[in-house]
């Protein structure tokens, strides 16, 4: 592993350690440097600010988990793997989910799931030509659903089994629940 990557890992580990006892908003670059026993120059050589560290953590730890399941047939497995990873790193994610803003976890998930939804839409409807606006709107709708499912589950401090949430999101996206509701509604009309 290159020295630069080792240093970034050291800094990320230090931030995670600090987040076990202090909220992200209370952490300063100085405290990160003290925790990691590095100079401010070393910190700024590798990261712009503390937000950049969080962004790096998300993209080096979460993205590989999600990319393994970046397909129309395996996205549920990826969502479940993400939840299990978050459970294993509960202290970090419970704390960081309280933070909203620049490079937040929510932004990271939204970006990933929006890209996944676009890919799924195009692959599952090869003959349909979506306008850019349609593709953006539909993919953001699905991204909000997946991200919202994770966030609602995480509000329980990630103590519950995430499998029921993943199944519910899958059922909603399949259209099965709406189709059943429409059949029931039509039966009532008769």
N, C-alpha and C. Protein backbone atom coordinates (compact mmCIF):
# COMPACT_ATOMS: atom_id res chain seq x y z
N UNK A 1 0.86 -1.18 0.00
CA UNK A 1 0.00 0.00 0.00
C UNK A 1 0.90 1.24 0.00
N UNK A 2 0.67 2.18 -0.91
CA UNK A 2 1.49 3.40 -0.96
C UNK A 2 1.41 4.18 0.36
N UNK A 3 2.50 4.91 0.66
CA UNK A 3 2.57 5.66 1.91
C UNK A 3 1.42 6.65 2.04
N UNK A 4 1.05 7.30 0.95
CA UNK A 4 -0.04 8.27 0.98
C UNK A 4 -1.35 7.61 1.42
N UNK A 5 -1.60 6.41 0.91
CA UNK A 5 -2.82 5.69 1.28
C UNK A 5 -2.76 5.26 2.74
N UNK A 6 -1.58 4.84 3.20
CA UNK A 6 -1.42 4.46 4.62
C UNK A 6 -1.71 5.65 5.52
N UNK A 7 -1.22 6.83 5.13
CA UNK A 7 -1.45 8.03 5.93
C UNK A 7 -2.94 8.38 5.94
N UNK A 8 -3.59 8.28 4.79
CA UNK A 8 -5.04 8.54 4.74
C UNK A 8 -5.79 7.56 5.63
N UNK A 9 -5.39 6.30 5.61
CA UNK A 9 -6.03 5.29 6.47
C UNK A 9 -5.82 5.63 7.95
N UNK A 10 -4.62 6.08 8.30
CA UNK A 10 -4.32 6.48 9.67
C UNK A 10 -5.22 7.63 10.10
N UNK A 11 -5.37 8.62 9.25
CA UNK A 11 -6.22 9.78 9.55
C UNK A 11 -7.68 9.34 9.67
N UNK A 12 -8.13 8.51 8.75
CA UNK A 12 -9.52 8.01 8.80
C UNK A 12 -9.77 7.24 10.09
N UNK A 13 -8.81 6.41 10.47
CA UNK A 13 -8.94 5.65 11.71
C UNK A 13 -9.01 6.59 12.91
N UNK A 14 -8.22 7.66 12.89
CA UNK A 14 -8.24 8.65 13.96
C UNK A 14 -9.58 9.36 14.06
N UNK A 15 -10.15 9.72 12.91
CA UNK A 15 -11.46 10.38 12.90
C UNK A 15 -12.52 9.42 13.45
N UNK A 16 -12.47 8.16 13.03
CA UNK A 16 -13.43 7.18 13.53
C UNK A 16 -13.31 7.02 15.05
N UNK A 17 -12.08 7.02 15.55
CA UNK A 17 -11.86 6.90 16.99
C UNK A 17 -12.46 8.09 17.72
N UNK A 18 -12.24 9.29 17.20
CA UNK A 18 -12.81 10.49 17.81
C UNK A 18 -14.34 10.45 17.80
N UNK A 19 -14.90 9.95 16.73
CA UNK A 19 -16.36 9.90 16.60
C UNK A 19 -17.02 8.92 17.56
N UNK A 20 -16.23 8.11 18.23
CA UNK A 20 -16.79 7.21 19.24
C UNK A 20 -17.23 7.99 20.48
N UNK A 21 -16.65 9.18 20.67
CA UNK A 21 -16.94 9.94 21.89
C UNK A 21 -17.41 11.37 21.64
N UNK A 22 -17.18 11.89 20.44
CA UNK A 22 -17.48 13.29 20.14
C UNK A 22 -18.28 13.37 18.85
N UNK A 23 -19.20 14.32 18.74
CA UNK A 23 -19.95 14.47 17.49
C UNK A 23 -19.04 15.06 16.41
N UNK A 24 -19.40 14.81 15.16
CA UNK A 24 -18.58 15.27 14.04
C UNK A 24 -18.43 16.79 14.05
N UNK A 25 -19.48 17.49 14.38
CA UNK A 25 -19.43 18.96 14.41
C UNK A 25 -18.44 19.51 15.42
N UNK A 26 -18.15 18.74 16.46
CA UNK A 26 -17.24 19.19 17.50
C UNK A 26 -15.78 18.88 17.20
N UNK A 27 -15.53 18.05 16.21
CA UNK A 27 -14.16 17.65 15.89
C UNK A 27 -13.47 18.72 15.05
N UNK A 28 -12.24 19.04 15.43
CA UNK A 28 -11.45 20.01 14.66
C UNK A 28 -10.27 19.29 14.01
N UNK A 29 -9.68 19.93 13.03
CA UNK A 29 -8.49 19.37 12.38
C UNK A 29 -7.38 19.19 13.41
N UNK A 30 -7.26 20.14 14.32
CA UNK A 30 -6.25 20.05 15.38
C UNK A 30 -6.42 18.79 16.22
N UNK A 31 -7.67 18.47 16.56
CA UNK A 31 -7.93 17.26 17.35
C UNK A 31 -7.61 16.00 16.55
N UNK A 32 -7.90 16.03 15.26
CA UNK A 32 -7.58 14.89 14.40
C UNK A 32 -6.07 14.69 14.37
N UNK A 33 -5.33 15.78 14.20
CA UNK A 33 -3.87 15.70 14.15
C UNK A 33 -3.31 15.16 15.47
N UNK A 34 -3.85 15.62 16.57
CA UNK A 34 -3.41 15.15 17.88
C UNK A 34 -3.70 13.66 18.03
N UNK A 35 -4.90 13.24 17.67
CA UNK A 35 -5.29 11.83 17.76
C UNK A 35 -4.37 10.94 16.92
N UNK A 36 -3.98 11.43 15.74
CA UNK A 36 -3.18 10.63 14.80
C UNK A 36 -1.68 10.84 14.98
N UNK A 37 -1.32 11.80 15.82
CA UNK A 37 0.09 12.16 16.05
C UNK A 37 0.77 12.54 14.73
N UNK A 38 0.11 13.46 14.03
CA UNK A 38 0.66 13.99 12.78
C UNK A 38 0.61 15.51 12.83
N UNK A 39 1.34 16.15 11.93
CA UNK A 39 1.31 17.61 11.86
C UNK A 39 0.11 18.07 11.03
N UNK A 40 -0.24 19.33 11.19
CA UNK A 40 -1.32 19.90 10.37
C UNK A 40 -0.93 19.86 8.90
N UNK A 41 0.36 20.09 8.62
CA UNK A 41 0.82 20.04 7.22
C UNK A 41 0.56 18.66 6.61
N UNK A 42 0.83 17.62 7.40
CA UNK A 42 0.58 16.25 6.91
C UNK A 42 -0.90 16.07 6.63
N UNK A 43 -1.74 16.54 7.56
CA UNK A 43 -3.19 16.42 7.34
C UNK A 43 -3.59 17.12 6.04
N UNK A 44 -3.16 18.38 5.89
CA UNK A 44 -3.59 19.16 4.72
C UNK A 44 -2.93 18.70 3.42
N UNK A 45 -1.85 17.96 3.52
CA UNK A 45 -1.25 17.38 2.33
C UNK A 45 -2.19 16.30 1.76
N UNK A 46 -2.92 15.62 2.65
CA UNK A 46 -3.77 14.50 2.23
C UNK A 46 -5.24 14.85 2.09
N UNK A 47 -5.71 15.81 2.88
CA UNK A 47 -7.14 16.16 2.86
C UNK A 47 -7.31 17.67 2.92
N UNK A 48 -8.40 18.16 2.30
CA UNK A 48 -8.71 19.59 2.33
C UNK A 48 -9.21 20.01 3.71
N UNK A 49 -10.05 19.16 4.31
CA UNK A 49 -10.66 19.47 5.60
C UNK A 49 -11.25 18.19 6.18
N UNK A 50 -11.91 18.30 7.32
CA UNK A 50 -12.47 17.10 7.96
C UNK A 50 -13.59 16.48 7.12
N UNK A 51 -14.28 17.29 6.34
CA UNK A 51 -15.35 16.78 5.47
C UNK A 51 -14.77 15.88 4.38
N UNK A 52 -13.60 16.27 3.90
CA UNK A 52 -12.91 15.49 2.88
C UNK A 52 -12.54 14.11 3.42
N UNK A 53 -12.18 14.04 4.70
CA UNK A 53 -11.85 12.75 5.33
C UNK A 53 -13.09 11.84 5.32
N UNK A 54 -14.22 12.40 5.72
CA UNK A 54 -15.46 11.63 5.75
C UNK A 54 -15.82 11.14 4.35
N UNK A 55 -15.70 12.02 3.38
CA UNK A 55 -15.96 11.65 1.98
C UNK A 55 -15.06 10.49 1.57
N UNK A 56 -13.79 10.57 1.92
CA UNK A 56 -12.83 9.52 1.58
C UNK A 56 -13.22 8.21 2.25
N UNK A 57 -13.62 8.26 3.52
CA UNK A 57 -14.05 7.05 4.23
C UNK A 57 -15.23 6.41 3.51
N UNK A 58 -16.23 7.20 3.18
CA UNK A 58 -17.41 6.66 2.49
C UNK A 58 -17.02 5.98 1.19
N UNK A 59 -16.21 6.66 0.41
CA UNK A 59 -15.90 6.14 -0.92
C UNK A 59 -14.89 5.00 -0.92
N UNK A 60 -14.09 4.88 0.14
CA UNK A 60 -13.16 3.75 0.18
C UNK A 60 -13.75 2.54 0.90
N UNK A 61 -14.71 2.77 1.79
CA UNK A 61 -15.28 1.66 2.54
C UNK A 61 -16.63 1.21 2.00
N UNK A 62 -17.48 2.15 1.66
CA UNK A 62 -18.85 1.83 1.25
C UNK A 62 -18.95 1.50 -0.23
N UNK A 63 -18.29 2.28 -1.05
CA UNK A 63 -18.42 2.09 -2.50
C UNK A 63 -18.08 0.67 -2.95
N UNK A 64 -16.98 0.06 -2.45
CA UNK A 64 -16.71 -1.33 -2.88
C UNK A 64 -17.82 -2.31 -2.50
N UNK A 65 -18.44 -2.11 -1.35
CA UNK A 65 -19.54 -2.98 -0.92
C UNK A 65 -20.70 -2.85 -1.89
N UNK A 66 -21.04 -1.63 -2.23
CA UNK A 66 -22.18 -1.38 -3.11
C UNK A 66 -21.89 -1.77 -4.55
N UNK A 67 -20.65 -1.57 -5.00
CA UNK A 67 -20.32 -1.88 -6.39
C UNK A 67 -20.36 -3.37 -6.68
N UNK A 68 -20.15 -4.20 -5.65
CA UNK A 68 -20.22 -5.64 -5.86
C UNK A 68 -21.61 -6.07 -6.33
N UNK A 69 -22.60 -5.27 -5.99
CA UNK A 69 -23.98 -5.63 -6.33
C UNK A 69 -24.60 -4.62 -7.29
N UNK A 70 -23.78 -3.99 -8.09
CA UNK A 70 -24.25 -2.93 -8.99
C UNK A 70 -24.90 -3.54 -10.23
N UNK A 71 -26.02 -4.25 -10.00
CA UNK A 71 -26.75 -4.81 -11.14
C UNK A 71 -28.22 -4.92 -10.77
N UNK A 72 -29.03 -5.08 -11.77
CA UNK A 72 -30.48 -5.15 -11.58
C UNK A 72 -30.88 -6.40 -10.78
N UNK A 73 -30.07 -7.44 -10.85
CA UNK A 73 -30.41 -8.69 -10.17
C UNK A 73 -29.86 -8.81 -8.75
N UNK A 74 -28.96 -7.92 -8.36
CA UNK A 74 -28.28 -8.09 -7.07
C UNK A 74 -28.31 -6.87 -6.16
N UNK A 75 -29.09 -5.85 -6.48
CA UNK A 75 -29.04 -4.64 -5.67
C UNK A 75 -29.52 -4.87 -4.25
N UNK A 76 -30.46 -5.83 -4.05
CA UNK A 76 -30.94 -6.12 -2.70
C UNK A 76 -29.81 -6.65 -1.83
N UNK A 77 -28.96 -7.51 -2.41
CA UNK A 77 -27.82 -8.06 -1.67
C UNK A 77 -26.88 -6.94 -1.25
N UNK A 78 -26.68 -5.97 -2.14
CA UNK A 78 -25.82 -4.84 -1.82
C UNK A 78 -26.38 -3.99 -0.71
N UNK A 79 -27.69 -3.77 -0.75
CA UNK A 79 -28.35 -2.98 0.30
C UNK A 79 -28.23 -3.68 1.64
N UNK A 80 -28.41 -4.99 1.64
CA UNK A 80 -28.28 -5.77 2.87
C UNK A 80 -26.82 -5.77 3.36
N UNK A 81 -25.87 -5.92 2.45
CA UNK A 81 -24.45 -5.89 2.82
C UNK A 81 -24.07 -4.54 3.41
N UNK A 82 -24.60 -3.46 2.83
CA UNK A 82 -24.36 -2.12 3.37
C UNK A 82 -24.86 -2.03 4.81
N UNK A 83 -26.07 -2.50 5.05
CA UNK A 83 -26.64 -2.43 6.40
C UNK A 83 -25.82 -3.25 7.40
N UNK A 84 -25.37 -4.42 6.99
CA UNK A 84 -24.55 -5.24 7.88
C UNK A 84 -23.21 -4.56 8.16
N UNK A 85 -22.63 -3.92 7.15
CA UNK A 85 -21.38 -3.19 7.37
C UNK A 85 -21.60 -2.04 8.35
N UNK A 86 -22.72 -1.35 8.19
CA UNK A 86 -23.03 -0.25 9.10
C UNK A 86 -23.22 -0.76 10.53
N UNK A 87 -23.83 -1.94 10.68
CA UNK A 87 -23.99 -2.52 12.01
C UNK A 87 -22.63 -2.84 12.64
N UNK A 88 -21.71 -3.35 11.83
CA UNK A 88 -20.37 -3.67 12.33
C UNK A 88 -19.62 -2.42 12.76
N UNK A 89 -19.95 -1.29 12.16
CA UNK A 89 -19.30 -0.01 12.45
C UNK A 89 -20.31 0.97 13.03
N UNK A 90 -21.17 0.47 13.89
CA UNK A 90 -22.32 1.21 14.41
C UNK A 90 -21.96 2.56 15.02
N UNK A 91 -20.95 2.60 15.89
CA UNK A 91 -20.62 3.86 16.57
C UNK A 91 -20.34 4.97 15.56
N UNK A 92 -19.58 4.64 14.55
CA UNK A 92 -19.23 5.63 13.53
C UNK A 92 -20.48 6.09 12.78
N UNK A 93 -21.28 5.15 12.29
CA UNK A 93 -22.41 5.51 11.44
C UNK A 93 -23.56 6.16 12.21
N UNK A 94 -23.79 5.75 13.45
CA UNK A 94 -24.83 6.43 14.24
C UNK A 94 -24.45 7.89 14.41
N UNK A 95 -23.18 8.15 14.69
CA UNK A 95 -22.72 9.52 14.89
C UNK A 95 -22.74 10.31 13.58
N UNK A 96 -22.23 9.72 12.53
CA UNK A 96 -22.09 10.46 11.27
C UNK A 96 -23.45 10.70 10.60
N UNK A 97 -24.44 9.86 10.87
CA UNK A 97 -25.77 10.07 10.29
C UNK A 97 -26.47 11.28 10.88
N UNK A 98 -25.99 11.74 12.01
CA UNK A 98 -26.56 12.95 12.61
C UNK A 98 -26.08 14.20 11.88
N UNK A 99 -25.03 14.04 11.10
CA UNK A 99 -24.45 15.16 10.37
C UNK A 99 -25.06 15.24 8.98
N UNK A 100 -25.56 16.42 8.63
CA UNK A 100 -26.11 16.66 7.29
C UNK A 100 -25.33 17.81 6.68
N UNK A 101 -24.97 17.66 5.44
CA UNK A 101 -24.25 18.75 4.79
C UNK A 101 -23.19 18.21 3.86
N UNK A 102 -22.18 19.03 3.67
CA UNK A 102 -21.10 18.75 2.74
C UNK A 102 -20.55 17.34 2.93
N UNK A 103 -20.51 16.57 1.85
CA UNK A 103 -19.96 15.21 1.84
C UNK A 103 -20.61 14.28 2.86
N UNK A 104 -21.89 14.47 3.12
CA UNK A 104 -22.56 13.62 4.09
C UNK A 104 -22.79 12.22 3.52
N UNK A 105 -23.01 11.30 4.43
CA UNK A 105 -23.29 9.92 4.06
C UNK A 105 -24.53 9.84 3.18
N UNK A 106 -25.51 10.68 3.49
CA UNK A 106 -26.76 10.70 2.72
C UNK A 106 -26.47 11.08 1.27
N UNK A 107 -25.63 12.09 1.06
CA UNK A 107 -25.25 12.49 -0.30
C UNK A 107 -24.56 11.35 -1.03
N UNK A 108 -23.68 10.66 -0.32
CA UNK A 108 -22.95 9.54 -0.90
C UNK A 108 -23.91 8.44 -1.35
N UNK A 109 -24.85 8.07 -0.47
CA UNK A 109 -25.83 7.04 -0.83
C UNK A 109 -26.72 7.49 -1.98
N UNK A 110 -27.17 8.73 -1.92
CA UNK A 110 -28.03 9.24 -2.99
C UNK A 110 -27.33 9.16 -4.34
N UNK A 111 -26.08 9.58 -4.38
CA UNK A 111 -25.32 9.55 -5.63
C UNK A 111 -25.19 8.12 -6.15
N UNK A 112 -24.84 7.20 -5.26
CA UNK A 112 -24.67 5.82 -5.69
C UNK A 112 -25.98 5.23 -6.19
N UNK A 113 -27.05 5.38 -5.40
CA UNK A 113 -28.32 4.76 -5.77
C UNK A 113 -28.97 5.43 -6.97
N UNK A 114 -28.71 6.71 -7.16
CA UNK A 114 -29.22 7.37 -8.37
C UNK A 114 -28.54 6.77 -9.60
N UNK A 115 -27.24 6.57 -9.53
CA UNK A 115 -26.52 5.96 -10.66
C UNK A 115 -26.98 4.52 -10.89
N UNK A 116 -27.20 3.78 -9.81
CA UNK A 116 -27.69 2.40 -9.94
C UNK A 116 -29.07 2.39 -10.60
N UNK A 117 -29.96 3.27 -10.15
CA UNK A 117 -31.31 3.32 -10.71
C UNK A 117 -31.27 3.67 -12.20
N UNK A 118 -30.42 4.61 -12.59
CA UNK A 118 -30.29 4.96 -14.02
C UNK A 118 -29.87 3.73 -14.82
N UNK A 119 -28.87 3.03 -14.30
CA UNK A 119 -28.38 1.84 -14.99
C UNK A 119 -29.49 0.79 -15.10
N UNK A 120 -30.21 0.58 -14.01
CA UNK A 120 -31.29 -0.41 -14.01
C UNK A 120 -32.39 -0.02 -14.99
N UNK A 121 -32.74 1.25 -15.04
CA UNK A 121 -33.79 1.71 -15.96
C UNK A 121 -33.40 1.47 -17.41
N UNK A 122 -32.18 1.82 -17.75
CA UNK A 122 -31.72 1.69 -19.13
C UNK A 122 -31.60 0.21 -19.51
N UNK A 123 -31.02 -0.60 -18.61
CA UNK A 123 -30.83 -2.03 -18.91
C UNK A 123 -32.15 -2.80 -18.98
N UNK A 124 -33.10 -2.44 -18.13
CA UNK A 124 -34.36 -3.19 -18.10
C UNK A 124 -35.36 -2.72 -19.15
N UNK A 125 -35.09 -1.59 -19.78
CA UNK A 125 -35.98 -1.04 -20.81
C UNK A 125 -35.17 -0.64 -22.04
N UNK A 126 -34.49 -1.59 -22.70
CA UNK A 126 -33.60 -1.21 -23.80
C UNK A 126 -34.30 -0.54 -24.98
N UNK A 127 -35.56 -0.85 -25.19
CA UNK A 127 -36.26 -0.25 -26.32
C UNK A 127 -36.84 1.12 -25.98
N UNK A 128 -36.92 1.45 -24.72
CA UNK A 128 -37.50 2.74 -24.28
C UNK A 128 -36.40 3.79 -24.24
N UNK A 129 -36.67 4.90 -24.84
CA UNK A 129 -35.73 6.03 -24.83
C UNK A 129 -36.22 7.05 -23.82
N UNK A 130 -35.53 7.14 -22.70
CA UNK A 130 -35.88 8.11 -21.67
C UNK A 130 -35.25 9.45 -22.00
N UNK A 131 -35.98 10.52 -21.75
CA UNK A 131 -35.36 11.85 -21.85
C UNK A 131 -34.44 12.00 -20.63
N UNK A 132 -33.51 12.92 -20.71
CA UNK A 132 -32.60 13.16 -19.58
C UNK A 132 -33.40 13.52 -18.33
N UNK A 133 -34.45 14.32 -18.50
CA UNK A 133 -35.27 14.75 -17.37
C UNK A 133 -36.00 13.56 -16.74
N UNK A 134 -36.57 12.68 -17.59
CA UNK A 134 -37.25 11.48 -17.08
C UNK A 134 -36.28 10.59 -16.31
N UNK A 135 -35.13 10.36 -16.92
CA UNK A 135 -34.12 9.50 -16.30
C UNK A 135 -33.68 10.07 -14.95
N UNK A 136 -33.47 11.37 -14.91
CA UNK A 136 -33.05 12.01 -13.66
C UNK A 136 -34.15 11.91 -12.61
N UNK A 137 -35.38 12.22 -12.98
CA UNK A 137 -36.47 12.23 -12.01
C UNK A 137 -36.75 10.83 -11.47
N UNK A 138 -36.85 9.85 -12.35
CA UNK A 138 -37.15 8.48 -11.93
C UNK A 138 -36.01 7.91 -11.08
N UNK A 139 -34.78 8.13 -11.51
CA UNK A 139 -33.65 7.58 -10.75
C UNK A 139 -33.53 8.23 -9.37
N UNK A 140 -33.83 9.53 -9.28
CA UNK A 140 -33.80 10.19 -7.96
C UNK A 140 -34.93 9.67 -7.08
N UNK A 141 -36.08 9.39 -7.66
CA UNK A 141 -37.20 8.82 -6.91
C UNK A 141 -36.77 7.50 -6.25
N UNK A 142 -36.17 6.61 -7.04
CA UNK A 142 -35.70 5.34 -6.50
C UNK A 142 -34.57 5.53 -5.50
N UNK A 143 -33.67 6.46 -5.78
CA UNK A 143 -32.55 6.72 -4.85
C UNK A 143 -33.07 7.22 -3.51
N UNK A 144 -34.08 8.10 -3.54
CA UNK A 144 -34.68 8.56 -2.28
C UNK A 144 -35.30 7.39 -1.53
N UNK A 145 -35.93 6.48 -2.24
CA UNK A 145 -36.55 5.32 -1.60
C UNK A 145 -35.53 4.42 -0.92
N UNK A 146 -34.45 4.10 -1.63
CA UNK A 146 -33.42 3.23 -1.04
C UNK A 146 -32.71 3.92 0.11
N UNK A 147 -32.33 5.18 -0.09
CA UNK A 147 -31.64 5.92 0.96
C UNK A 147 -32.56 6.11 2.16
N UNK A 148 -33.81 6.45 1.91
CA UNK A 148 -34.77 6.61 3.00
C UNK A 148 -34.97 5.33 3.79
N UNK A 149 -35.00 4.20 3.10
CA UNK A 149 -35.11 2.91 3.78
C UNK A 149 -33.95 2.68 4.73
N UNK A 150 -32.74 2.97 4.25
CA UNK A 150 -31.55 2.81 5.09
C UNK A 150 -31.61 3.75 6.29
N UNK A 151 -31.98 5.00 6.04
CA UNK A 151 -32.02 5.98 7.13
C UNK A 151 -33.08 5.64 8.18
N UNK A 152 -34.26 5.21 7.75
CA UNK A 152 -35.30 4.81 8.70
C UNK A 152 -34.83 3.63 9.55
N UNK A 153 -34.21 2.65 8.90
CA UNK A 153 -33.68 1.50 9.62
C UNK A 153 -32.58 1.94 10.60
N UNK A 154 -31.71 2.85 10.17
CA UNK A 154 -30.59 3.30 11.00
C UNK A 154 -31.06 4.07 12.23
N UNK A 155 -32.24 4.69 12.16
CA UNK A 155 -32.76 5.45 13.31
C UNK A 155 -32.98 4.56 14.53
N UNK A 156 -33.07 3.26 14.33
CA UNK A 156 -33.23 2.32 15.44
C UNK A 156 -31.86 1.95 16.02
N UNK A 157 -30.85 2.77 15.75
CA UNK A 157 -29.47 2.50 16.14
C UNK A 157 -28.95 1.21 15.52
N UNK A 158 -29.56 0.83 14.42
CA UNK A 158 -29.13 -0.32 13.62
C UNK A 158 -29.18 -1.63 14.40
N UNK A 159 -30.06 -1.70 15.38
CA UNK A 159 -30.16 -2.91 16.19
C UNK A 159 -31.09 -3.94 15.55
N UNK A 160 -32.02 -3.51 14.73
CA UNK A 160 -32.96 -4.43 14.09
C UNK A 160 -32.32 -5.10 12.88
N UNK A 161 -32.81 -6.28 12.56
CA UNK A 161 -32.39 -6.98 11.35
C UNK A 161 -32.85 -6.15 10.15
N UNK A 162 -31.95 -5.81 9.22
CA UNK A 162 -32.34 -4.98 8.07
C UNK A 162 -33.09 -5.74 6.98
N UNK A 163 -33.16 -7.07 7.07
CA UNK A 163 -33.78 -7.87 6.02
C UNK A 163 -35.22 -7.46 5.71
N UNK A 164 -36.09 -7.25 6.72
CA UNK A 164 -37.46 -6.83 6.39
C UNK A 164 -37.52 -5.49 5.64
N UNK A 165 -36.64 -4.56 5.99
CA UNK A 165 -36.61 -3.27 5.29
C UNK A 165 -36.21 -3.47 3.83
N UNK A 166 -35.20 -4.30 3.59
CA UNK A 166 -34.74 -4.55 2.23
C UNK A 166 -35.85 -5.22 1.42
N UNK A 167 -36.56 -6.16 2.03
CA UNK A 167 -37.67 -6.83 1.33
C UNK A 167 -38.79 -5.83 1.00
N UNK A 168 -39.08 -4.94 1.93
CA UNK A 168 -40.14 -3.94 1.69
C UNK A 168 -39.74 -3.01 0.54
N UNK A 169 -38.51 -2.55 0.53
CA UNK A 169 -38.04 -1.68 -0.56
C UNK A 169 -38.13 -2.43 -1.88
N UNK A 170 -37.73 -3.69 -1.88
CA UNK A 170 -37.79 -4.50 -3.09
C UNK A 170 -39.23 -4.66 -3.57
N UNK A 171 -40.15 -4.92 -2.65
CA UNK A 171 -41.57 -5.05 -3.02
C UNK A 171 -42.12 -3.75 -3.59
N UNK A 172 -41.75 -2.65 -2.98
CA UNK A 172 -42.22 -1.35 -3.48
C UNK A 172 -41.70 -1.09 -4.89
N UNK A 173 -40.43 -1.38 -5.10
CA UNK A 173 -39.84 -1.11 -6.41
C UNK A 173 -40.35 -2.05 -7.49
N UNK A 174 -40.78 -3.23 -7.11
CA UNK A 174 -41.28 -4.17 -8.11
C UNK A 174 -42.65 -3.76 -8.62
N UNK A 175 -43.34 -2.91 -7.87
CA UNK A 175 -44.68 -2.50 -8.25
C UNK A 175 -45.75 -3.46 -7.78
N UNK A 176 -45.32 -4.56 -7.16
CA UNK A 176 -46.24 -5.61 -6.73
C UNK A 176 -47.30 -5.09 -5.75
N UNK A 177 -46.90 -4.28 -4.79
CA UNK A 177 -47.85 -3.77 -3.79
C UNK A 177 -48.91 -2.87 -4.43
N UNK A 178 -48.47 -2.01 -5.35
CA UNK A 178 -49.43 -1.12 -6.02
C UNK A 178 -50.37 -1.91 -6.93
N UNK A 179 -49.84 -2.92 -7.58
CA UNK A 179 -50.68 -3.76 -8.45
C UNK A 179 -51.77 -4.46 -7.63
N UNK A 180 -51.39 -4.99 -6.46
CA UNK A 180 -52.37 -5.65 -5.59
C UNK A 180 -53.41 -4.65 -5.09
N UNK A 181 -52.97 -3.47 -4.74
CA UNK A 181 -53.89 -2.43 -4.26
C UNK A 181 -54.89 -2.05 -5.34
N UNK A 182 -54.42 -1.96 -6.59
CA UNK A 182 -55.31 -1.60 -7.69
C UNK A 182 -56.33 -2.71 -7.95
N UNK A 183 -55.92 -3.96 -7.84
CA UNK A 183 -56.84 -5.08 -8.02
C UNK A 183 -57.92 -5.03 -6.95
N UNK A 184 -57.52 -4.77 -5.71
CA UNK A 184 -58.49 -4.67 -4.61
C UNK A 184 -59.44 -3.50 -4.82
N UNK A 185 -58.92 -2.39 -5.29
CA UNK A 185 -59.75 -1.20 -5.53
C UNK A 185 -60.77 -1.47 -6.63
N UNK A 186 -60.34 -2.14 -7.70
CA UNK A 186 -61.27 -2.47 -8.79
C UNK A 186 -62.34 -3.45 -8.32
N UNK A 187 -61.95 -4.37 -7.43
CA UNK A 187 -62.92 -5.33 -6.89
C UNK A 187 -63.97 -4.62 -6.05
N UNK A 188 -63.58 -3.59 -5.33
CA UNK A 188 -64.51 -2.80 -4.51
C UNK A 188 -65.51 -2.05 -5.38
N UNK A 189 -65.06 -1.59 -6.55
CA UNK A 189 -65.91 -0.82 -7.45
C UNK A 189 -67.02 -1.67 -8.06
N UNK A 190 -66.82 -2.96 -8.14
CA UNK A 190 -67.81 -3.84 -8.79
C UNK A 190 -68.94 -4.17 -7.89
